[in-house]
Amino acid sequence: MKKLFAILAVMGVLTLGSVQPIMAQDAAPAQTEQTTEAAVVEEGGGLHKELKTKFIEGDASFMSLVAIALVLGLAFCIERIIYLSLAEVNTKKLMANIEAALEKGDVEAAKTVCRNTRGPVASICYQGLMRIDEGVDVVERSVVSYGGVQAGYLEKGCSWITLFIAMAPSLGFLGTVIGMV
């Protein structure tokens, strides 16, 4: 599903980003007069008016790519912010509750505390408590392996965010080059 989404996204970007070539016959005759900033300012229009005119005359083919990248990047960032904020838990309080239940000898109460607490730390503790009868080595391996699984969940989607972070300067530079041309 993710590969299909990626392929569709790339095809959409290529489709929306296609620019029609300008033929030599269609191009307006080049002005032979000087077109520097000084000439624009001397004509009374001002540089800001000229830039505004060029912006209004432009089309949205390139800016649509930037807008799509912005929306997708923000969607991934907002999803990660929500997930990570839901994964946050007071670990000191959680560990104190687990230790209090274990000191009483009630492993089931400690498991209940872990089940009722959200977040990856409680899940990892629960995995260790499930194998408490099998020995310290088994508990340690279980906690380490499930910790890797939980770390994968926490890092999920970060590669997409990294992609959009790397793509943003490239799109900005491409816009500069298109503007210069």
Protein backbone atom coordinates (compact mmCIF):
# COMPACT_ATOMS: atom_id res chain seq x y z
CA MET A 1 0.00 0.00 0.00
CA LYS A 2 2.82 2.38 0.86
CA LYS A 3 4.63 1.59 -2.38
CA LEU A 4 1.44 2.22 -4.34
CA PHE A 5 0.97 5.56 -2.56
CA ALA A 6 4.57 6.52 -3.31
CA ILE A 7 4.22 5.61 -6.98
CA LEU A 8 0.95 7.55 -7.30
CA ALA A 9 2.51 10.55 -5.54
CA VAL A 10 5.50 10.57 -7.90
CA MET A 11 3.26 10.23 -10.95
CA GLY A 12 1.04 13.05 -9.71
CA VAL A 13 4.01 15.30 -9.13
CA LEU A 14 5.36 14.56 -12.59
CA THR A 15 1.94 15.13 -14.16
CA LEU A 16 1.25 18.39 -12.34
CA GLY A 17 4.77 19.61 -12.83
CA SER A 18 4.87 19.22 -16.59
CA VAL A 19 5.44 22.53 -18.28
CA GLN A 20 4.52 23.13 -21.90
CA PRO A 21 7.50 24.10 -24.01
CA ILE A 22 7.51 27.59 -25.42
CA MET A 23 8.13 27.74 -29.14
CA ALA A 24 10.28 30.42 -30.68
CA GLN A 25 7.29 31.76 -32.66
CA ASP A 26 5.25 32.17 -29.47
CA ALA A 27 7.89 34.12 -27.60
CA ALA A 28 7.49 37.86 -27.43
CA PRO A 29 10.18 39.86 -29.21
CA ALA A 30 13.03 40.65 -26.88
CA GLN A 31 13.44 44.20 -25.76
CA THR A 32 16.69 45.73 -26.77
CA GLU A 33 16.55 48.37 -24.09
CA GLN A 34 18.17 48.02 -20.74
CA THR A 35 16.05 45.97 -18.25
CA THR A 36 18.00 46.24 -15.06
CA GLU A 37 16.62 47.30 -11.72
CA ALA A 38 17.73 50.85 -12.33
CA ALA A 39 15.73 51.03 -15.56
CA VAL A 40 12.61 49.67 -13.87
CA VAL A 41 12.92 52.17 -11.03
CA GLU A 42 13.54 55.04 -13.46
CA GLU A 43 10.34 54.24 -15.37
CA GLY A 44 8.39 55.06 -12.22
CA GLY A 45 6.90 51.58 -11.79
CA GLY A 46 9.20 50.54 -9.00
CA LEU A 47 10.74 47.16 -8.43
CA HIS A 48 7.94 45.92 -6.18
CA LYS A 49 5.31 46.68 -8.84
CA GLU A 50 7.30 44.83 -11.47
CA LEU A 51 7.69 41.81 -9.18
CA LYS A 52 3.97 41.86 -8.41
CA THR A 53 3.17 41.97 -12.12
CA LYS A 54 5.44 39.00 -12.82
CA PHE A 55 3.89 37.08 -9.92
CA ILE A 56 0.35 37.72 -11.19
CA GLU A 57 1.26 36.72 -14.75
CA GLY A 58 2.79 33.42 -13.63
CA ASP A 59 0.97 30.10 -13.50
CA ALA A 60 0.51 27.71 -10.60
CA SER A 61 2.20 24.62 -12.06
CA PHE A 62 5.36 24.94 -10.00
CA MET A 63 3.74 26.30 -6.86
CA SER A 64 1.33 23.37 -6.83
CA LEU A 65 4.33 21.06 -6.31
CA VAL A 66 5.52 23.14 -3.41
CA ALA A 67 2.01 23.24 -1.92
CA ILE A 68 1.60 19.47 -2.22
CA ALA A 69 4.98 18.93 -0.56
CA LEU A 70 3.99 21.34 2.21
CA VAL A 71 0.67 19.61 2.87
CA LEU A 72 2.16 16.11 2.86
CA GLY A 73 5.11 17.13 5.04
CA LEU A 74 2.82 18.84 7.54
CA ALA A 75 0.51 15.81 7.61
CA PHE A 76 3.41 13.50 8.51
CA CYS A 77 4.72 15.96 11.12
CA ILE A 78 1.30 16.41 12.76
CA GLU A 79 0.78 12.63 12.86
CA ARG A 80 4.15 12.13 14.55
CA ILE A 81 3.48 14.93 17.05
CA ILE A 82 0.15 13.38 18.01
CA TYR A 83 1.60 9.87 18.29
CA LEU A 84 4.60 10.96 20.33
CA SER A 85 2.50 13.11 22.64
CA LEU A 86 0.21 10.14 23.27
CA ALA A 87 3.25 7.94 23.93
CA GLU A 88 4.50 10.27 26.66
CA VAL A 89 3.97 8.98 30.20
CA ASN A 90 5.33 9.73 33.67
CA THR A 91 7.86 6.89 33.88
CA LYS A 92 8.89 7.55 37.48
CA LYS A 93 5.30 7.22 38.66
CA LEU A 94 4.77 4.12 36.50
CA MET A 95 7.89 2.41 37.85
CA ALA A 96 6.96 3.33 41.42
CA ASN A 97 3.52 1.74 40.96
CA ILE A 98 5.04 -1.41 39.43
CA GLU A 99 7.65 -1.70 42.19
CA ALA A 100 4.98 -1.22 44.87
CA ALA A 101 2.90 -4.04 43.39
CA LEU A 102 5.93 -6.31 43.04
CA GLU A 103 7.02 -5.67 46.65
CA LYS A 104 3.62 -6.96 47.75
CA GLY A 105 4.25 -10.06 45.60
CA ASP A 106 1.32 -9.31 43.31
CA VAL A 107 2.56 -9.74 39.73
CA GLU A 108 -0.97 -9.54 38.33
CA ALA A 109 -1.44 -6.08 39.88
CA ALA A 110 1.82 -4.95 38.25
CA LYS A 111 0.58 -6.30 34.90
CA THR A 112 -2.70 -4.46 35.40
CA VAL A 113 -0.84 -1.21 36.05
CA CYS A 114 1.09 -1.72 32.80
CA ARG A 115 -2.05 -2.61 30.82
CA ASN A 116 -3.89 0.48 32.07
CA THR A 117 -1.01 2.83 31.26
CA ARG A 118 -0.55 3.98 27.66
CA GLY A 119 2.79 4.31 25.96
CA PRO A 120 5.75 2.20 24.94
CA VAL A 121 7.40 2.10 28.39
CA ALA A 122 4.36 0.41 29.93
CA SER A 123 4.21 -2.07 27.01
CA ILE A 124 7.86 -2.97 27.44
CA CYS A 125 7.40 -3.47 31.18
CA TYR A 126 4.36 -5.64 30.51
CA GLN A 127 6.39 -7.86 28.17
CA GLY A 128 8.97 -8.34 30.91
CA LEU A 129 6.31 -9.09 33.53
CA MET A 130 4.69 -11.70 31.27
CA ARG A 131 7.93 -13.72 31.34
CA ILE A 132 8.87 -13.15 34.96
CA ASP A 133 8.60 -16.88 35.74
CA GLU A 134 11.05 -17.90 33.00
CA GLY A 135 14.20 -16.33 34.46
CA VAL A 136 16.16 -13.11 34.30
CA ASP A 137 17.82 -13.87 30.95
CA VAL A 138 14.51 -14.50 29.19
CA VAL A 139 13.00 -11.34 30.72
CA GLU A 140 16.00 -9.29 29.60
CA ARG A 141 15.91 -10.62 26.04
CA SER A 142 12.15 -10.06 25.89
CA VAL A 143 12.48 -6.47 27.08
CA VAL A 144 15.32 -5.73 24.65
CA SER A 145 13.56 -7.27 21.65
CA TYR A 146 10.22 -5.61 22.37
CA GLY A 147 12.04 -2.33 23.04
CA GLY A 148 13.32 -2.55 19.46
CA VAL A 149 9.76 -3.05 18.22
CA GLN A 150 8.52 -0.04 20.18
CA ALA A 151 11.44 2.07 18.92
CA GLY A 152 10.39 1.15 15.37
CA TYR A 153 6.87 2.37 16.09
CA LEU A 154 8.23 5.65 17.46
CA GLU A 155 10.44 6.19 14.40
CA LYS A 156 7.77 5.20 11.87
CA GLY A 157 7.16 7.95 9.32
CA CYS A 158 10.35 9.85 10.14
CA SER A 159 11.90 8.84 6.80
CA TRP A 160 9.05 10.66 5.01
CA ILE A 161 9.65 13.76 7.10
CA THR A 162 13.36 13.54 6.25
CA LEU A 163 12.44 13.28 2.57
CA PHE A 164 10.37 16.46 2.68
CA ILE A 165 13.09 18.26 4.64
CA ALA A 166 15.62 17.31 1.96
CA MET A 167 13.24 18.14 -0.88
CA ALA A 168 12.28 21.65 0.28
CA PRO A 169 15.60 23.40 -0.50
CA SER A 170 15.73 21.64 -3.87
CA LEU A 171 12.27 22.91 -4.78
CA GLY A 172 13.25 26.39 -3.64
CA PHE A 173 16.36 26.32 -5.79
CA LEU A 174 14.35 24.99 -8.73
CA GLY A 175 11.95 27.91 -8.29
CA THR A 176 14.87 30.31 -8.32
CA VAL A 177 16.24 28.80 -11.52
CA ILE A 178 12.81 28.88 -13.20
CA GLY A 179 12.44 32.50 -12.11
CA MET A 180 15.82 33.39 -13.52
CA VAL A 181 15.00 31.72 -16.85
